[in-house]
Protein backbone atom coordinates (compact mmCIF):
# COMPACT_ATOMS: atom_id res chain seq x y z
CA MET A 1 0.00 0.00 0.00
CA PHE A 2 1.12 3.55 -0.64
CA CYS A 3 0.54 6.62 1.47
CA LEU A 4 0.79 10.19 0.30
CA SER A 5 1.88 13.09 2.47
CA HIS A 6 0.96 16.69 1.82
CA SER A 7 4.39 17.32 0.30
CA GLU A 8 4.38 14.32 -2.02
CA SER A 9 3.22 14.58 -5.59
CA ARG A 10 0.48 12.20 -6.68
CA ASN A 11 2.74 11.30 -9.59
CA SER A 12 5.23 9.66 -7.24
CA LEU A 13 2.66 6.96 -6.50
CA TRP A 14 1.99 6.13 -10.12
CA ALA A 15 5.64 6.38 -11.14
CA ALA A 16 6.31 3.37 -8.90
CA GLN A 17 3.51 1.31 -10.46
CA PRO A 18 4.16 -0.25 -13.87
CA GLY A 19 1.31 0.23 -16.31
CA LEU A 20 -0.19 3.22 -14.53
CA GLU A 21 1.80 5.94 -16.28
CA GLY A 22 -1.26 6.97 -18.31
CA LEU A 23 -3.55 7.50 -15.34
CA GLU A 24 -4.19 10.93 -13.92
CA LEU A 25 -5.81 11.48 -10.54
CA GLU A 26 -6.77 14.56 -8.62
CA GLN A 27 -5.37 15.03 -5.13
CA SER A 28 -8.92 14.91 -3.78
CA ASP A 29 -9.05 11.26 -4.86
CA PHE A 30 -6.59 10.39 -2.10
CA GLN A 31 -7.01 10.00 1.64
CA LEU A 32 -3.96 10.63 3.79
CA CYS A 33 -2.84 7.94 6.19
CA THR A 34 -3.93 8.01 9.81
CA SER A 35 -3.18 5.59 12.60
CA ARG A 36 -6.08 3.35 11.57
CA LEU A 37 -6.87 4.26 7.97
CA GLN A 38 -4.84 3.31 4.93
CA CYS A 39 -4.57 5.44 1.85
CA SER A 40 -7.11 4.93 -0.87
CA ALA A 41 -7.70 6.05 -4.39
CA GLN A 42 -11.05 5.97 -6.11
CA LEU A 43 -11.47 6.13 -9.86
CA SER A 44 -13.46 4.25 -12.46
CA GLY A 45 -11.62 1.56 -14.38
CA ALA A 46 -8.79 1.38 -11.88
CA PRO A 47 -6.79 -1.79 -11.30
CA GLY A 48 -8.41 -4.06 -8.72
CA TRP A 49 -5.94 -3.22 -5.97
CA ILE A 50 -7.04 0.43 -6.20
CA GLN A 51 -10.75 -0.35 -6.33
CA GLU A 52 -10.42 -2.46 -3.19
CA LEU A 53 -9.20 0.62 -1.31
CA ALA A 54 -12.30 2.65 -2.16
CA SER A 55 -14.14 1.40 0.92
CA VAL A 56 -11.49 3.05 3.10
CA ARG A 57 -12.27 6.36 1.40
CA ALA A 58 -15.94 5.97 2.28
CA LEU A 59 -15.05 5.20 5.90
CA ALA A 60 -12.80 8.25 6.13
CA ASP A 61 -15.50 10.45 4.64
CA SER A 62 -18.08 9.19 7.13
CA ARG A 63 -15.78 10.01 10.05
CA SER A 64 -15.04 13.57 8.99
């Protein structure tokens, strides 16, 4: 799993993932890590490992 800090570019995540060079995401698509939540990205047509993280985004949104 990957976690983004405020200072990190979203591109650093995708640069480390082969086959994702063509994807573009907005920063709002990411949730920052907390002690109990893992980062998530949510976009249509994403690889399965990204789609599986979408539920974490929903949990984070419900807690805010």
